[in-house]
N, C-alpha and C. Protein backbone atom coordinates (compact mmCIF):
# COMPACT_ATOMS: atom_id res chain seq x y z
N MET A 1 9.62 -18.15 -3.46
CA MET A 1 8.24 -18.19 -2.99
C MET A 1 7.44 -19.11 -3.91
N ALA A 2 6.38 -19.62 -3.37
CA ALA A 2 5.54 -20.58 -4.08
C ALA A 2 4.63 -19.89 -5.07
N VAL A 3 4.27 -20.65 -6.10
CA VAL A 3 3.18 -20.21 -6.95
C VAL A 3 1.93 -20.42 -6.12
N ASN A 4 1.18 -19.36 -5.89
CA ASN A 4 0.06 -19.46 -4.96
C ASN A 4 -1.04 -20.37 -5.47
N LYS A 5 -1.41 -21.30 -4.61
CA LYS A 5 -2.55 -22.18 -4.83
C LYS A 5 -3.45 -21.95 -3.62
N PHE A 6 -4.69 -21.62 -3.86
CA PHE A 6 -5.57 -21.23 -2.77
C PHE A 6 -6.59 -22.32 -2.48
N LEU A 7 -7.05 -22.36 -1.23
CA LEU A 7 -8.14 -23.23 -0.86
C LEU A 7 -9.46 -22.59 -1.28
N SER A 8 -10.44 -23.40 -1.59
CA SER A 8 -11.78 -22.87 -1.84
C SER A 8 -12.39 -22.43 -0.52
N LYS A 9 -13.47 -21.68 -0.56
CA LYS A 9 -14.14 -21.25 0.68
C LYS A 9 -14.58 -22.47 1.48
N GLU A 10 -15.06 -23.51 0.80
CA GLU A 10 -15.51 -24.71 1.49
C GLU A 10 -14.35 -25.43 2.16
N GLN A 11 -13.22 -25.54 1.45
CA GLN A 11 -12.04 -26.18 2.03
C GLN A 11 -11.53 -25.37 3.23
N ALA A 12 -11.53 -24.04 3.08
CA ALA A 12 -11.07 -23.17 4.16
C ALA A 12 -11.94 -23.36 5.40
N LEU A 13 -13.25 -23.35 5.21
CA LEU A 13 -14.17 -23.51 6.34
C LEU A 13 -13.96 -24.87 7.00
N ASP A 14 -13.79 -25.91 6.20
CA ASP A 14 -13.58 -27.25 6.74
C ASP A 14 -12.32 -27.32 7.60
N ILE A 15 -11.24 -26.72 7.12
CA ILE A 15 -9.98 -26.80 7.85
C ILE A 15 -9.99 -25.93 9.11
N LEU A 16 -10.75 -24.85 9.11
CA LEU A 16 -10.83 -23.99 10.30
C LEU A 16 -11.38 -24.77 11.50
N ASP A 17 -12.24 -25.75 11.23
CA ASP A 17 -12.80 -26.58 12.30
C ASP A 17 -11.78 -27.53 12.90
N LYS A 18 -10.66 -27.74 12.21
CA LYS A 18 -9.70 -28.76 12.63
C LYS A 18 -8.46 -28.20 13.30
N VAL A 19 -8.31 -26.87 13.31
CA VAL A 19 -7.09 -26.26 13.85
C VAL A 19 -7.45 -25.50 15.13
N SER A 20 -6.73 -25.82 16.20
CA SER A 20 -7.07 -25.29 17.52
C SER A 20 -7.00 -23.77 17.60
N PHE A 21 -6.20 -23.13 16.76
CA PHE A 21 -6.11 -21.67 16.76
C PHE A 21 -7.48 -21.02 16.62
N PHE A 22 -8.41 -21.71 15.95
CA PHE A 22 -9.72 -21.15 15.65
C PHE A 22 -10.84 -21.71 16.52
N ASP A 23 -10.50 -22.41 17.60
CA ASP A 23 -11.51 -23.04 18.46
C ASP A 23 -12.50 -22.05 19.06
N ASP A 24 -12.07 -20.83 19.35
CA ASP A 24 -12.94 -19.85 19.99
C ASP A 24 -13.86 -19.12 19.01
N LEU A 25 -13.71 -19.38 17.72
CA LEU A 25 -14.54 -18.71 16.72
C LEU A 25 -15.89 -19.40 16.59
N THR A 26 -16.93 -18.60 16.43
CA THR A 26 -18.25 -19.15 16.15
C THR A 26 -18.29 -19.62 14.70
N LEU A 27 -19.31 -20.37 14.36
CA LEU A 27 -19.47 -20.82 12.97
C LEU A 27 -19.58 -19.62 12.04
N GLU A 28 -20.28 -18.59 12.45
CA GLU A 28 -20.42 -17.38 11.61
C GLU A 28 -19.08 -16.68 11.42
N GLU A 29 -18.27 -16.65 12.47
CA GLU A 29 -16.94 -16.03 12.34
C GLU A 29 -16.04 -16.85 11.44
N LYS A 30 -16.13 -18.19 11.53
CA LYS A 30 -15.35 -19.04 10.63
C LYS A 30 -15.80 -18.84 9.18
N LYS A 31 -17.09 -18.71 8.97
CA LYS A 31 -17.59 -18.44 7.61
C LYS A 31 -17.08 -17.10 7.10
N ALA A 32 -17.06 -16.09 7.96
CA ALA A 32 -16.56 -14.77 7.56
C ALA A 32 -15.08 -14.86 7.19
N LEU A 33 -14.30 -15.61 7.96
CA LEU A 33 -12.88 -15.76 7.67
C LEU A 33 -12.66 -16.55 6.38
N ALA A 34 -13.47 -17.56 6.14
CA ALA A 34 -13.36 -18.37 4.92
C ALA A 34 -13.66 -17.56 3.67
N GLU A 35 -14.38 -16.45 3.81
CA GLU A 35 -14.64 -15.57 2.66
C GLU A 35 -13.34 -14.99 2.10
N PHE A 36 -12.30 -14.93 2.92
CA PHE A 36 -11.00 -14.44 2.47
C PHE A 36 -10.16 -15.61 1.97
N ASN A 37 -10.76 -16.50 1.17
CA ASN A 37 -10.12 -17.76 0.81
C ASN A 37 -8.80 -17.58 0.06
N TRP A 38 -8.56 -16.42 -0.58
CA TRP A 38 -7.29 -16.20 -1.27
C TRP A 38 -6.12 -16.08 -0.29
N CYS A 39 -6.42 -15.97 1.00
CA CYS A 39 -5.37 -15.92 2.02
C CYS A 39 -5.04 -17.31 2.57
N PHE A 40 -5.78 -18.32 2.13
CA PHE A 40 -5.53 -19.71 2.52
C PHE A 40 -4.68 -20.32 1.41
N ILE A 41 -3.37 -20.40 1.65
CA ILE A 41 -2.41 -20.75 0.59
C ILE A 41 -1.85 -22.15 0.83
N VAL A 42 -1.70 -22.89 -0.27
CA VAL A 42 -1.12 -24.23 -0.23
C VAL A 42 0.29 -24.16 -0.79
N TYR A 43 1.24 -24.70 -0.05
CA TYR A 43 2.64 -24.73 -0.44
C TYR A 43 3.08 -26.18 -0.63
N ASP A 44 3.87 -26.42 -1.66
CA ASP A 44 4.46 -27.74 -1.87
C ASP A 44 5.71 -27.88 -1.00
N SER A 45 6.15 -29.11 -0.81
CA SER A 45 7.38 -29.36 -0.09
C SER A 45 8.52 -28.58 -0.75
N GLN A 46 9.34 -27.94 0.06
CA GLN A 46 10.49 -27.13 -0.34
C GLN A 46 10.12 -25.71 -0.78
N ASP A 47 8.83 -25.36 -0.80
CA ASP A 47 8.42 -23.97 -1.08
C ASP A 47 8.73 -23.12 0.14
N TYR A 48 9.17 -21.89 -0.09
CA TYR A 48 9.41 -20.93 0.98
C TYR A 48 8.13 -20.14 1.24
N LEU A 49 7.73 -20.06 2.51
CA LEU A 49 6.62 -19.20 2.89
C LEU A 49 7.10 -17.77 2.99
N THR A 50 8.33 -17.59 3.49
CA THR A 50 8.93 -16.27 3.59
C THR A 50 10.44 -16.44 3.73
N ASP A 51 11.19 -15.38 3.43
CA ASP A 51 12.65 -15.42 3.43
C ASP A 51 13.24 -14.52 4.51
N GLU A 52 14.34 -14.97 5.09
CA GLU A 52 15.08 -14.17 6.06
C GLU A 52 15.46 -12.83 5.44
N GLY A 53 15.25 -11.76 6.19
CA GLY A 53 15.59 -10.42 5.72
C GLY A 53 14.51 -9.73 4.90
N SER A 54 13.49 -10.47 4.48
CA SER A 54 12.45 -9.85 3.65
C SER A 54 11.59 -8.91 4.49
N LEU A 55 10.91 -8.04 3.82
CA LEU A 55 10.04 -7.07 4.50
C LEU A 55 8.58 -7.54 4.50
N ASP A 56 8.37 -8.81 4.18
CA ASP A 56 7.04 -9.41 4.20
C ASP A 56 6.48 -9.28 5.62
N LYS A 57 5.32 -8.67 5.75
CA LYS A 57 4.76 -8.39 7.09
C LYS A 57 3.60 -9.31 7.46
N ARG A 58 3.36 -10.34 6.67
CA ARG A 58 2.29 -11.28 7.01
C ARG A 58 2.72 -12.20 8.15
N PHE A 59 1.71 -12.68 8.88
CA PHE A 59 1.98 -13.80 9.77
C PHE A 59 1.15 -14.95 9.26
N PHE A 60 1.55 -16.15 9.61
CA PHE A 60 0.93 -17.36 9.09
C PHE A 60 0.39 -18.20 10.23
N VAL A 61 -0.78 -18.76 10.02
CA VAL A 61 -1.31 -19.81 10.89
C VAL A 61 -1.18 -21.09 10.09
N LEU A 62 -0.37 -22.03 10.57
CA LEU A 62 -0.22 -23.29 9.86
C LEU A 62 -1.49 -24.12 10.02
N LEU A 63 -2.06 -24.51 8.91
CA LEU A 63 -3.31 -25.26 8.91
C LEU A 63 -3.08 -26.75 8.75
N SER A 64 -2.04 -27.12 8.01
CA SER A 64 -1.67 -28.52 7.83
C SER A 64 -0.21 -28.56 7.39
N GLY A 65 0.39 -29.73 7.51
CA GLY A 65 1.76 -29.89 7.08
C GLY A 65 2.76 -29.51 8.14
N GLN A 66 3.99 -29.26 7.68
CA GLN A 66 5.10 -28.96 8.59
C GLN A 66 6.08 -28.05 7.88
N VAL A 67 6.70 -27.16 8.65
CA VAL A 67 7.71 -26.25 8.09
C VAL A 67 8.95 -26.26 8.97
N ASN A 68 10.08 -25.93 8.35
CA ASN A 68 11.31 -25.70 9.09
C ASN A 68 11.56 -24.21 9.14
N ILE A 69 12.03 -23.75 10.27
CA ILE A 69 12.49 -22.37 10.42
C ILE A 69 14.00 -22.45 10.27
N ILE A 70 14.54 -21.74 9.26
CA ILE A 70 15.97 -21.83 8.97
C ILE A 70 16.60 -20.44 9.00
N LYS A 71 17.89 -20.42 9.31
CA LYS A 71 18.58 -19.14 9.48
C LYS A 71 19.98 -19.23 8.90
N GLY A 72 20.41 -18.13 8.29
CA GLY A 72 21.78 -17.99 7.83
C GLY A 72 22.06 -18.60 6.48
N ILE A 73 23.29 -18.34 6.02
CA ILE A 73 23.72 -18.84 4.71
C ILE A 73 23.75 -20.36 4.69
N GLN A 74 24.10 -20.96 5.82
CA GLN A 74 24.16 -22.43 5.91
C GLN A 74 22.77 -23.05 6.04
N LYS A 75 21.76 -22.22 6.15
CA LYS A 75 20.37 -22.67 6.28
C LYS A 75 20.23 -23.65 7.44
N GLN A 76 20.72 -23.22 8.60
CA GLN A 76 20.63 -24.04 9.81
C GLN A 76 19.18 -24.10 10.28
N ILE A 77 18.70 -25.30 10.55
CA ILE A 77 17.34 -25.48 11.04
C ILE A 77 17.30 -25.07 12.51
N ILE A 78 16.46 -24.08 12.80
CA ILE A 78 16.31 -23.59 14.17
C ILE A 78 15.25 -24.40 14.90
N THR A 79 14.14 -24.63 14.23
CA THR A 79 13.05 -25.41 14.82
C THR A 79 12.11 -25.85 13.71
N GLN A 80 11.14 -26.67 14.08
CA GLN A 80 10.09 -27.10 13.16
C GLN A 80 8.74 -26.76 13.77
N PHE A 81 7.78 -26.44 12.91
CA PHE A 81 6.42 -26.17 13.36
C PHE A 81 5.44 -27.01 12.57
N LYS A 82 4.34 -27.37 13.25
CA LYS A 82 3.26 -28.15 12.64
C LYS A 82 1.96 -27.37 12.72
N ALA A 83 0.90 -27.96 12.23
CA ALA A 83 -0.42 -27.32 12.20
C ALA A 83 -0.79 -26.76 13.57
N GLY A 84 -1.38 -25.56 13.56
CA GLY A 84 -1.83 -24.90 14.77
C GLY A 84 -0.86 -23.84 15.26
N GLU A 85 0.39 -23.88 14.79
CA GLU A 85 1.39 -22.89 15.20
C GLU A 85 1.26 -21.63 14.35
N ILE A 86 1.80 -20.54 14.88
CA ILE A 86 1.87 -19.29 14.12
C ILE A 86 3.33 -18.97 13.82
N ILE A 87 3.52 -18.31 12.69
CA ILE A 87 4.86 -17.96 12.23
C ILE A 87 4.82 -16.52 11.73
N GLY A 88 5.86 -15.76 12.02
CA GLY A 88 5.98 -14.42 11.46
C GLY A 88 5.27 -13.34 12.24
N GLU A 89 4.81 -13.68 13.43
CA GLU A 89 4.06 -12.70 14.22
C GLU A 89 4.93 -11.53 14.67
N ILE A 90 6.23 -11.76 14.83
CA ILE A 90 7.11 -10.67 15.27
C ILE A 90 7.20 -9.60 14.18
N SER A 91 7.46 -10.00 12.94
CA SER A 91 7.50 -9.02 11.84
C SER A 91 6.15 -8.34 11.64
N PHE A 92 5.09 -9.10 11.80
CA PHE A 92 3.74 -8.56 11.67
C PHE A 92 3.51 -7.45 12.70
N LEU A 93 3.93 -7.69 13.92
CA LEU A 93 3.67 -6.75 15.00
C LEU A 93 4.67 -5.60 15.07
N THR A 94 5.93 -5.84 14.70
CA THR A 94 6.98 -4.84 14.88
C THR A 94 7.38 -4.11 13.61
N ASN A 95 6.92 -4.63 12.46
CA ASN A 95 7.27 -4.04 11.17
C ASN A 95 8.77 -4.16 10.87
N GLU A 96 9.42 -5.15 11.45
CA GLU A 96 10.85 -5.41 11.25
C GLU A 96 11.03 -6.48 10.18
N PRO A 97 12.20 -6.52 9.53
CA PRO A 97 12.47 -7.58 8.55
C PRO A 97 12.45 -8.96 9.20
N ARG A 98 12.24 -9.97 8.37
CA ARG A 98 12.22 -11.35 8.84
C ARG A 98 13.57 -11.75 9.42
N THR A 99 13.55 -12.46 10.54
CA THR A 99 14.78 -12.90 11.18
C THR A 99 15.17 -14.32 10.76
N ALA A 100 14.28 -15.01 10.03
CA ALA A 100 14.56 -16.37 9.57
C ALA A 100 13.69 -16.66 8.35
N SER A 101 14.05 -17.72 7.66
CA SER A 101 13.24 -18.19 6.53
C SER A 101 12.35 -19.32 7.01
N VAL A 102 11.26 -19.53 6.29
CA VAL A 102 10.33 -20.61 6.60
C VAL A 102 10.14 -21.42 5.33
N VAL A 103 10.43 -22.72 5.40
CA VAL A 103 10.32 -23.58 4.23
C VAL A 103 9.45 -24.79 4.57
N ALA A 104 8.53 -25.11 3.68
CA ALA A 104 7.66 -26.27 3.88
C ALA A 104 8.47 -27.55 3.70
N THR A 105 8.28 -28.50 4.60
CA THR A 105 8.95 -29.80 4.48
C THR A 105 7.98 -30.86 3.96
N THR A 106 6.71 -30.53 3.94
CA THR A 106 5.67 -31.38 3.37
C THR A 106 4.69 -30.44 2.67
N LYS A 107 3.74 -31.00 1.97
CA LYS A 107 2.67 -30.14 1.45
C LYS A 107 2.02 -29.47 2.65
N THR A 108 1.91 -28.16 2.60
CA THR A 108 1.51 -27.37 3.76
C THR A 108 0.47 -26.34 3.36
N ALA A 109 -0.54 -26.18 4.18
CA ALA A 109 -1.52 -25.11 3.99
C ALA A 109 -1.37 -24.12 5.14
N ALA A 110 -1.48 -22.83 4.80
CA ALA A 110 -1.35 -21.79 5.82
C ALA A 110 -2.31 -20.65 5.50
N LEU A 111 -2.78 -20.02 6.55
CA LEU A 111 -3.55 -18.80 6.43
C LEU A 111 -2.57 -17.65 6.60
N ALA A 112 -2.42 -16.83 5.55
CA ALA A 112 -1.50 -15.69 5.58
C ALA A 112 -2.31 -14.43 5.89
N ILE A 113 -1.99 -13.79 7.00
CA ILE A 113 -2.74 -12.61 7.45
C ILE A 113 -1.83 -11.40 7.45
N ASP A 114 -2.26 -10.36 6.75
CA ASP A 114 -1.53 -9.10 6.76
C ASP A 114 -2.39 -8.03 7.41
N GLN A 115 -1.86 -6.82 7.53
CA GLN A 115 -2.60 -5.74 8.20
C GLN A 115 -3.90 -5.41 7.46
N GLU A 116 -3.87 -5.46 6.15
CA GLU A 116 -5.08 -5.16 5.37
C GLU A 116 -6.20 -6.15 5.68
N LEU A 117 -5.85 -7.43 5.73
CA LEU A 117 -6.85 -8.44 6.06
C LEU A 117 -7.38 -8.22 7.47
N MET A 118 -6.49 -7.92 8.41
CA MET A 118 -6.93 -7.67 9.79
C MET A 118 -7.95 -6.53 9.83
N GLU A 119 -7.70 -5.48 9.07
CA GLU A 119 -8.61 -4.34 9.05
C GLU A 119 -9.95 -4.67 8.41
N GLU A 120 -9.96 -5.63 7.47
CA GLU A 120 -11.20 -6.01 6.80
C GLU A 120 -12.05 -6.97 7.63
N MET A 121 -11.45 -7.62 8.60
CA MET A 121 -12.19 -8.57 9.43
C MET A 121 -13.21 -7.85 10.30
N PRO A 122 -14.35 -8.50 10.54
CA PRO A 122 -15.27 -7.94 11.55
C PRO A 122 -14.53 -7.80 12.88
N ILE A 123 -14.86 -6.77 13.64
CA ILE A 123 -14.09 -6.44 14.84
C ILE A 123 -14.04 -7.58 15.86
N GLU A 124 -15.13 -8.32 16.03
CA GLU A 124 -15.13 -9.42 16.99
C GLU A 124 -14.15 -10.50 16.56
N LEU A 125 -14.12 -10.79 15.28
CA LEU A 125 -13.20 -11.79 14.73
C LEU A 125 -11.76 -11.31 14.87
N ARG A 126 -11.51 -10.06 14.55
CA ARG A 126 -10.17 -9.48 14.66
C ARG A 126 -9.66 -9.59 16.10
N GLU A 127 -10.53 -9.28 17.07
CA GLU A 127 -10.11 -9.34 18.47
C GLU A 127 -9.78 -10.77 18.89
N LYS A 128 -10.54 -11.73 18.41
CA LYS A 128 -10.26 -13.13 18.75
C LYS A 128 -8.94 -13.59 18.13
N VAL A 129 -8.66 -13.15 16.90
CA VAL A 129 -7.38 -13.49 16.27
C VAL A 129 -6.24 -12.87 17.06
N LYS A 130 -6.38 -11.60 17.45
CA LYS A 130 -5.35 -10.95 18.26
C LYS A 130 -5.13 -11.70 19.58
N ASP A 131 -6.22 -12.11 20.21
CA ASP A 131 -6.11 -12.87 21.47
C ASP A 131 -5.32 -14.16 21.26
N GLN A 132 -5.56 -14.83 20.14
CA GLN A 132 -4.85 -16.08 19.85
C GLN A 132 -3.37 -15.83 19.58
N ILE A 133 -3.05 -14.72 18.91
CA ILE A 133 -1.63 -14.37 18.69
C ILE A 133 -0.95 -14.21 20.05
N ILE A 134 -1.56 -13.46 20.94
CA ILE A 134 -0.99 -13.24 22.27
C ILE A 134 -0.82 -14.56 23.01
N LEU A 135 -1.85 -15.41 22.97
CA LEU A 135 -1.78 -16.70 23.64
C LEU A 135 -0.66 -17.56 23.08
N LYS A 136 -0.56 -17.65 21.76
CA LYS A 136 0.48 -18.48 21.14
C LYS A 136 1.87 -17.94 21.46
N MET A 137 2.04 -16.62 21.45
CA MET A 137 3.34 -16.04 21.79
C MET A 137 3.69 -16.33 23.24
N ALA A 138 2.73 -16.23 24.13
CA ALA A 138 2.98 -16.50 25.55
C ALA A 138 3.33 -17.98 25.75
N GLN A 139 2.63 -18.87 25.06
CA GLN A 139 2.93 -20.30 25.18
C GLN A 139 4.34 -20.60 24.67
N ARG A 140 4.73 -19.99 23.55
CA ARG A 140 6.07 -20.19 22.99
C ARG A 140 7.13 -19.67 23.95
N LEU A 141 6.90 -18.50 24.53
CA LEU A 141 7.85 -17.93 25.49
C LEU A 141 7.98 -18.83 26.71
N ASN A 142 6.87 -19.36 27.17
CA ASN A 142 6.90 -20.28 28.32
C ASN A 142 7.71 -21.54 27.99
N ARG A 143 7.50 -22.10 26.80
CA ARG A 143 8.28 -23.29 26.39
C ARG A 143 9.77 -22.96 26.34
N MET A 144 10.11 -21.80 25.79
CA MET A 144 11.52 -21.41 25.71
C MET A 144 12.11 -21.20 27.09
N ASN A 145 11.36 -20.58 27.99
CA ASN A 145 11.83 -20.39 29.36
C ASN A 145 12.06 -21.72 30.05
N ASN A 146 11.14 -22.67 29.84
CA ASN A 146 11.30 -23.99 30.44
C ASN A 146 12.53 -24.70 29.92
N ARG A 147 12.79 -24.62 28.61
CA ARG A 147 13.98 -25.24 28.03
C ARG A 147 15.23 -24.60 28.58
N LEU A 148 15.22 -23.27 28.69
CA LEU A 148 16.37 -22.56 29.22
C LEU A 148 16.65 -22.97 30.67
N THR A 149 15.59 -23.05 31.46
CA THR A 149 15.71 -23.45 32.86
C THR A 149 16.27 -24.87 32.99
N LEU A 150 15.85 -25.73 32.07
CA LEU A 150 16.31 -27.12 32.11
C LEU A 150 17.64 -27.32 31.40
N GLY A 151 18.19 -26.24 30.83
CA GLY A 151 19.47 -26.33 30.16
C GLY A 151 19.41 -26.99 28.80
N ASN A 152 18.25 -26.96 28.15
CA ASN A 152 18.09 -27.62 26.86
C ASN A 152 18.27 -26.69 25.68
N ILE A 153 18.78 -25.50 25.91
CA ILE A 153 18.99 -24.60 24.77
C ILE A 153 20.46 -24.51 24.48
């Protein structure tokens, strides 16, 4: 895991305006989220955000950079994600161990959200974050279904 480097509140607020995950948030909601600036973490290339099998229950919103999702002893790359994607939502929602590792391939910033942070968020903000998780999961499922239908898996 990385030595945590955090964004300032100002940097966090600035980046929230640039990532589509947060498009539905008002300026006041973005300011409220930026108050949790210790959850805005910067990872260097080759830093692990989380490890396969770990009990880490956070999910991540990628704010910048790129990560590889890797699995197994051979560290097979399953897929890559860029800014705007979410990672780890299954463990966050199901309380199950991680099914893959996530490693930064470039300098990467991510918002790490755990249950405690969700509970501390104002309810309107929390509901909008939950809505975005559902939307992102549905979009990912749709992409996977399309690939399966086209025989690309």
